[in-house]
């Protein structure tokens, strides 16, 4: 295995874990609603959706119609999941499920 790839995967994995773990350990009683920590925590949900979109857009570099179909299904699932309950977690799950279903069908 390529050592550079392994180091990159470890850095990204540790960073992802920290982004998910640290917000659960922050004392929220001292956080002001318009403060930088509050804005950061509010941005983590849309950042997760953006990361899923970037991962979906990468296959488009090949201009493959099946990749476009899967991307459209994922975006539609994300949109519908968010419209259903206004919950970013549900939107991510619906988008990933729609993308996976389209991948299975294509």
N, C-alpha and C. Protein backbone atom coordinates (compact mmCIF):
# COMPACT_ATOMS: atom_id res chain seq x y z
N UNK A 1 0.85 -1.19 0.00
CA UNK A 1 0.00 0.00 0.00
C UNK A 1 0.89 1.24 0.00
N UNK A 2 0.42 2.26 -0.65
CA UNK A 2 1.15 3.52 -0.73
C UNK A 2 1.12 4.22 0.64
N UNK A 3 2.29 4.57 1.14
CA UNK A 3 2.40 5.20 2.47
C UNK A 3 1.71 6.56 2.50
N UNK A 4 1.82 7.34 1.43
CA UNK A 4 1.16 8.66 1.39
C UNK A 4 -0.36 8.52 1.51
N UNK A 5 -0.90 7.52 0.85
CA UNK A 5 -2.34 7.29 0.92
C UNK A 5 -2.76 6.89 2.33
N UNK A 6 -1.99 6.06 2.96
CA UNK A 6 -2.29 5.64 4.32
C UNK A 6 -2.24 6.81 5.30
N UNK A 7 -1.22 7.65 5.18
CA UNK A 7 -1.10 8.82 6.05
C UNK A 7 -2.27 9.78 5.83
N UNK A 8 -2.63 10.00 4.57
CA UNK A 8 -3.76 10.89 4.26
C UNK A 8 -5.06 10.33 4.83
N UNK A 9 -5.27 9.03 4.68
CA UNK A 9 -6.49 8.42 5.20
C UNK A 9 -6.54 8.54 6.73
N UNK A 10 -5.40 8.36 7.39
CA UNK A 10 -5.38 8.50 8.85
C UNK A 10 -5.66 9.93 9.29
N UNK A 11 -5.08 10.90 8.60
CA UNK A 11 -5.33 12.31 8.95
C UNK A 11 -6.80 12.66 8.75
N UNK A 12 -7.36 12.24 7.64
CA UNK A 12 -8.78 12.54 7.36
C UNK A 12 -9.67 11.82 8.37
N UNK A 13 -9.34 10.57 8.69
CA UNK A 13 -10.14 9.82 9.66
C UNK A 13 -10.11 10.44 11.04
N UNK A 14 -8.94 10.85 11.49
CA UNK A 14 -8.81 11.49 12.81
C UNK A 14 -9.55 12.83 12.81
N UNK A 15 -9.41 13.58 11.74
CA UNK A 15 -10.12 14.87 11.65
C UNK A 15 -11.63 14.69 11.66
N UNK A 16 -12.12 13.68 10.94
CA UNK A 16 -13.56 13.41 10.93
C UNK A 16 -14.05 13.00 12.31
N UNK A 17 -13.27 12.14 12.96
CA UNK A 17 -13.65 11.70 14.30
C UNK A 17 -13.69 12.89 15.26
N UNK A 18 -12.69 13.76 15.18
CA UNK A 18 -12.67 14.93 16.07
C UNK A 18 -13.84 15.86 15.79
N UNK A 19 -14.20 16.03 14.52
CA UNK A 19 -15.34 16.89 14.18
C UNK A 19 -16.65 16.35 14.74
N UNK A 20 -16.73 15.06 14.90
CA UNK A 20 -17.95 14.46 15.44
C UNK A 20 -17.91 14.32 16.96
N UNK A 21 -16.73 14.11 17.51
CA UNK A 21 -16.60 13.86 18.95
C UNK A 21 -16.56 15.14 19.77
N UNK A 22 -15.77 16.10 19.35
CA UNK A 22 -15.57 17.31 20.16
C UNK A 22 -16.84 18.10 20.41
N UNK A 23 -17.75 18.26 19.44
CA UNK A 23 -18.99 19.00 19.76
C UNK A 23 -19.82 18.36 20.86
N UNK A 24 -19.68 17.07 21.08
CA UNK A 24 -20.44 16.43 22.15
C UNK A 24 -19.83 16.70 23.52
N UNK A 25 -18.61 17.17 23.57
CA UNK A 25 -17.91 17.41 24.83
C UNK A 25 -17.85 18.89 25.21
N UNK A 26 -18.40 19.76 24.40
CA UNK A 26 -18.35 21.20 24.66
C UNK A 26 -19.46 21.56 25.65
N UNK A 27 -19.13 22.38 26.65
CA UNK A 27 -20.11 22.87 27.61
C UNK A 27 -20.92 23.96 26.91
N UNK A 28 -22.15 23.65 26.55
CA UNK A 28 -22.97 24.58 25.78
C UNK A 28 -23.63 25.66 26.63
N UNK A 29 -23.50 25.61 27.94
CA UNK A 29 -24.16 26.62 28.77
C UNK A 29 -23.51 28.00 28.61
N UNK A 30 -22.24 28.04 28.23
CA UNK A 30 -21.54 29.32 28.10
C UNK A 30 -21.51 29.82 26.66
N UNK A 31 -22.12 29.10 25.74
CA UNK A 31 -22.08 29.48 24.32
C UNK A 31 -23.16 30.51 24.04
N UNK A 32 -22.77 31.61 23.44
CA UNK A 32 -23.75 32.62 23.02
C UNK A 32 -24.34 32.21 21.68
N UNK A 33 -25.60 32.51 21.44
CA UNK A 33 -26.24 32.06 20.20
C UNK A 33 -25.58 32.58 18.92
N UNK A 34 -24.99 33.76 18.97
CA UNK A 34 -24.36 34.31 17.78
C UNK A 34 -22.85 34.23 17.82
N UNK A 35 -22.31 33.47 18.75
CA UNK A 35 -20.86 33.36 18.89
C UNK A 35 -20.24 32.43 17.86
N UNK A 36 -18.91 32.42 17.79
CA UNK A 36 -18.23 31.61 16.78
C UNK A 36 -18.43 30.11 16.98
N UNK A 37 -18.51 29.64 18.21
CA UNK A 37 -18.71 28.21 18.45
C UNK A 37 -20.10 27.79 18.00
N UNK A 38 -21.08 28.61 18.28
CA UNK A 38 -22.45 28.31 17.85
C UNK A 38 -22.55 28.28 16.33
N UNK A 39 -21.91 29.24 15.67
CA UNK A 39 -21.92 29.26 14.19
C UNK A 39 -21.21 28.04 13.63
N UNK A 40 -20.10 27.64 14.27
CA UNK A 40 -19.36 26.47 13.83
C UNK A 40 -20.23 25.21 13.94
N UNK A 41 -20.90 25.05 15.08
CA UNK A 41 -21.74 23.87 15.28
C UNK A 41 -22.94 23.88 14.32
N UNK A 42 -23.47 25.05 14.02
CA UNK A 42 -24.57 25.14 13.06
C UNK A 42 -24.12 24.76 11.65
N UNK A 43 -22.86 24.97 11.34
CA UNK A 43 -22.37 24.71 9.99
C UNK A 43 -21.96 23.27 9.76
N UNK A 44 -21.87 22.45 10.80
CA UNK A 44 -21.40 21.08 10.60
C UNK A 44 -22.39 20.23 9.80
N UNK A 45 -23.67 20.45 9.96
CA UNK A 45 -24.67 19.69 9.19
C UNK A 45 -24.58 19.99 7.70
N UNK A 46 -24.68 21.26 7.30
CA UNK A 46 -24.52 21.56 5.88
C UNK A 46 -23.16 21.15 5.33
N UNK A 47 -22.12 21.19 6.16
CA UNK A 47 -20.80 20.76 5.70
C UNK A 47 -20.82 19.26 5.38
N UNK A 48 -21.54 18.48 6.15
CA UNK A 48 -21.65 17.04 5.87
C UNK A 48 -22.35 16.80 4.54
N UNK A 49 -23.40 17.55 4.28
CA UNK A 49 -24.11 17.40 3.01
C UNK A 49 -23.21 17.84 1.86
N UNK A 50 -22.46 18.92 2.06
CA UNK A 50 -21.55 19.37 1.01
C UNK A 50 -20.48 18.32 0.73
N UNK A 51 -19.99 17.66 1.76
CA UNK A 51 -19.00 16.60 1.56
C UNK A 51 -19.58 15.44 0.77
N UNK A 52 -20.83 15.08 1.06
CA UNK A 52 -21.48 14.02 0.29
C UNK A 52 -21.67 14.44 -1.17
N UNK A 53 -22.00 15.70 -1.40
CA UNK A 53 -22.15 16.18 -2.78
C UNK A 53 -20.82 16.15 -3.53
N UNK A 54 -19.75 16.56 -2.88
CA UNK A 54 -18.44 16.53 -3.53
C UNK A 54 -18.07 15.11 -3.88
N UNK A 55 -18.32 14.17 -2.98
CA UNK A 55 -18.02 12.77 -3.27
C UNK A 55 -18.87 12.26 -4.43
N UNK A 56 -20.07 12.79 -4.56
CA UNK A 56 -20.94 12.38 -5.67
C UNK A 56 -20.54 13.03 -6.98
N UNK A 57 -20.00 14.25 -6.92
CA UNK A 57 -19.62 14.95 -8.15
C UNK A 57 -18.33 14.42 -8.77
N UNK A 58 -17.49 13.77 -8.00
CA UNK A 58 -16.23 13.29 -8.53
C UNK A 58 -16.39 12.36 -9.72
N UNK A 59 -17.35 11.42 -9.71
CA UNK A 59 -17.50 10.58 -10.90
C UNK A 59 -17.95 11.34 -12.15
N UNK A 60 -18.48 12.54 -11.97
CA UNK A 60 -18.92 13.32 -13.13
C UNK A 60 -17.76 13.76 -14.00
N UNK A 61 -16.55 13.69 -13.49
CA UNK A 61 -15.40 14.07 -14.30
C UNK A 61 -15.26 13.17 -15.52
N UNK A 62 -15.85 11.98 -15.45
CA UNK A 62 -15.80 11.05 -16.56
C UNK A 62 -16.99 11.21 -17.50
N UNK A 63 -17.95 12.04 -17.17
CA UNK A 63 -19.15 12.28 -17.96
C UNK A 63 -19.93 11.00 -18.21
N UNK A 64 -20.11 10.21 -17.16
CA UNK A 64 -20.83 8.95 -17.24
C UNK A 64 -22.29 9.21 -16.86
N UNK A 65 -23.23 8.78 -17.71
CA UNK A 65 -24.64 9.04 -17.45
C UNK A 65 -25.14 8.30 -16.23
N UNK A 66 -24.57 7.13 -15.94
CA UNK A 66 -25.01 6.42 -14.74
C UNK A 66 -24.60 7.19 -13.49
N UNK A 67 -23.42 7.82 -13.53
CA UNK A 67 -22.98 8.64 -12.39
C UNK A 67 -23.90 9.85 -12.22
N UNK A 68 -24.33 10.44 -13.32
CA UNK A 68 -25.26 11.58 -13.24
C UNK A 68 -26.61 11.15 -12.67
N UNK A 69 -27.05 9.96 -13.03
CA UNK A 69 -28.32 9.44 -12.51
C UNK A 69 -28.23 9.23 -11.01
N UNK A 70 -27.12 8.64 -10.56
CA UNK A 70 -26.95 8.41 -9.12
C UNK A 70 -26.84 9.74 -8.37
N UNK A 71 -26.15 10.70 -8.96
CA UNK A 71 -26.03 12.02 -8.33
C UNK A 71 -27.40 12.69 -8.21
N UNK A 72 -28.18 12.64 -9.28
CA UNK A 72 -29.51 13.25 -9.25
C UNK A 72 -30.39 12.58 -8.19
N UNK A 73 -30.30 11.26 -8.08
CA UNK A 73 -31.09 10.55 -7.06
C UNK A 73 -30.65 10.96 -5.66
N UNK A 74 -29.35 11.09 -5.43
CA UNK A 74 -28.85 11.48 -4.12
C UNK A 74 -29.26 12.89 -3.74
N UNK A 75 -29.17 13.81 -4.69
CA UNK A 75 -29.57 15.19 -4.42
C UNK A 75 -31.07 15.27 -4.15
N UNK A 76 -31.85 14.54 -4.96
CA UNK A 76 -33.31 14.54 -4.75
C UNK A 76 -33.67 13.93 -3.39
N UNK A 77 -32.99 12.85 -3.02
CA UNK A 77 -33.25 12.24 -1.71
C UNK A 77 -32.90 13.17 -0.57
N UNK A 78 -31.79 13.89 -0.70
CA UNK A 78 -31.39 14.84 0.33
C UNK A 78 -32.40 15.97 0.43
N UNK A 79 -32.82 16.49 -0.69
CA UNK A 79 -33.79 17.58 -0.70
C UNK A 79 -35.12 17.14 -0.08
N UNK A 80 -35.60 15.97 -0.49
CA UNK A 80 -36.87 15.49 0.03
C UNK A 80 -36.79 15.15 1.51
N UNK A 81 -35.67 14.58 1.93
CA UNK A 81 -35.50 14.27 3.35
C UNK A 81 -35.49 15.52 4.21
N UNK A 82 -34.89 16.59 3.69
CA UNK A 82 -34.87 17.84 4.47
C UNK A 82 -36.24 18.51 4.47
N UNK A 83 -36.94 18.45 3.34
CA UNK A 83 -38.26 19.07 3.26
C UNK A 83 -39.28 18.33 4.15
N UNK A 84 -39.05 17.03 4.34
CA UNK A 84 -39.99 16.22 5.10
C UNK A 84 -40.02 16.61 6.58
N UNK A 85 -38.85 16.73 7.21
CA UNK A 85 -38.80 16.97 8.64
C UNK A 85 -37.92 18.15 9.06
N UNK A 86 -37.26 18.81 8.13
CA UNK A 86 -36.32 19.89 8.45
C UNK A 86 -35.22 19.40 9.38
N UNK A 87 -34.74 18.19 9.12
CA UNK A 87 -33.71 17.57 9.95
C UNK A 87 -32.53 17.22 9.04
N UNK A 88 -31.36 17.74 9.36
CA UNK A 88 -30.20 17.55 8.53
C UNK A 88 -29.74 16.10 8.53
N UNK A 89 -29.93 15.40 9.65
CA UNK A 89 -29.55 13.99 9.73
C UNK A 89 -30.41 13.15 8.81
N UNK A 90 -31.70 13.38 8.85
CA UNK A 90 -32.61 12.64 7.98
C UNK A 90 -32.31 12.94 6.51
N UNK A 91 -31.97 14.18 6.21
CA UNK A 91 -31.63 14.54 4.83
C UNK A 91 -30.39 13.77 4.35
N UNK A 92 -29.39 13.65 5.21
CA UNK A 92 -28.18 12.89 4.84
C UNK A 92 -28.50 11.43 4.62
N UNK A 93 -29.29 10.86 5.50
CA UNK A 93 -29.63 9.44 5.38
C UNK A 93 -30.47 9.19 4.13
N UNK A 94 -31.43 10.05 3.87
CA UNK A 94 -32.27 9.89 2.68
C UNK A 94 -31.45 10.05 1.40
N UNK A 95 -30.56 11.02 1.39
CA UNK A 95 -29.71 11.21 0.21
C UNK A 95 -28.80 10.03 -0.03
N UNK A 96 -28.18 9.52 1.04
CA UNK A 96 -27.31 8.36 0.89
C UNK A 96 -28.09 7.12 0.47
N UNK A 97 -29.29 6.95 1.02
CA UNK A 97 -30.12 5.81 0.64
C UNK A 97 -30.57 5.90 -0.82
N UNK A 98 -30.95 7.08 -1.24
CA UNK A 98 -31.37 7.26 -2.65
C UNK A 98 -30.20 7.03 -3.59
N UNK A 99 -29.03 7.52 -3.23
CA UNK A 99 -27.83 7.31 -4.04
C UNK A 99 -27.50 5.81 -4.10
N UNK A 100 -27.56 5.14 -2.96
CA UNK A 100 -27.28 3.70 -2.93
C UNK A 100 -28.30 2.90 -3.73
N UNK A 101 -29.58 3.28 -3.65
CA UNK A 101 -30.60 2.61 -4.43
C UNK A 101 -30.38 2.81 -5.93
N UNK A 102 -30.04 4.03 -6.31
CA UNK A 102 -29.75 4.30 -7.73
C UNK A 102 -28.52 3.53 -8.19
N UNK A 103 -27.52 3.42 -7.33
CA UNK A 103 -26.32 2.65 -7.67
C UNK A 103 -26.66 1.19 -7.88
N UNK A 104 -27.54 0.66 -7.03
CA UNK A 104 -27.94 -0.73 -7.14
C UNK A 104 -28.74 -0.96 -8.41
N UNK A 105 -29.61 -0.01 -8.77
CA UNK A 105 -30.45 -0.16 -9.96
C UNK A 105 -29.66 0.04 -11.25
N UNK A 106 -28.70 0.94 -11.23
CA UNK A 106 -27.92 1.23 -12.44
C UNK A 106 -26.84 0.19 -12.55
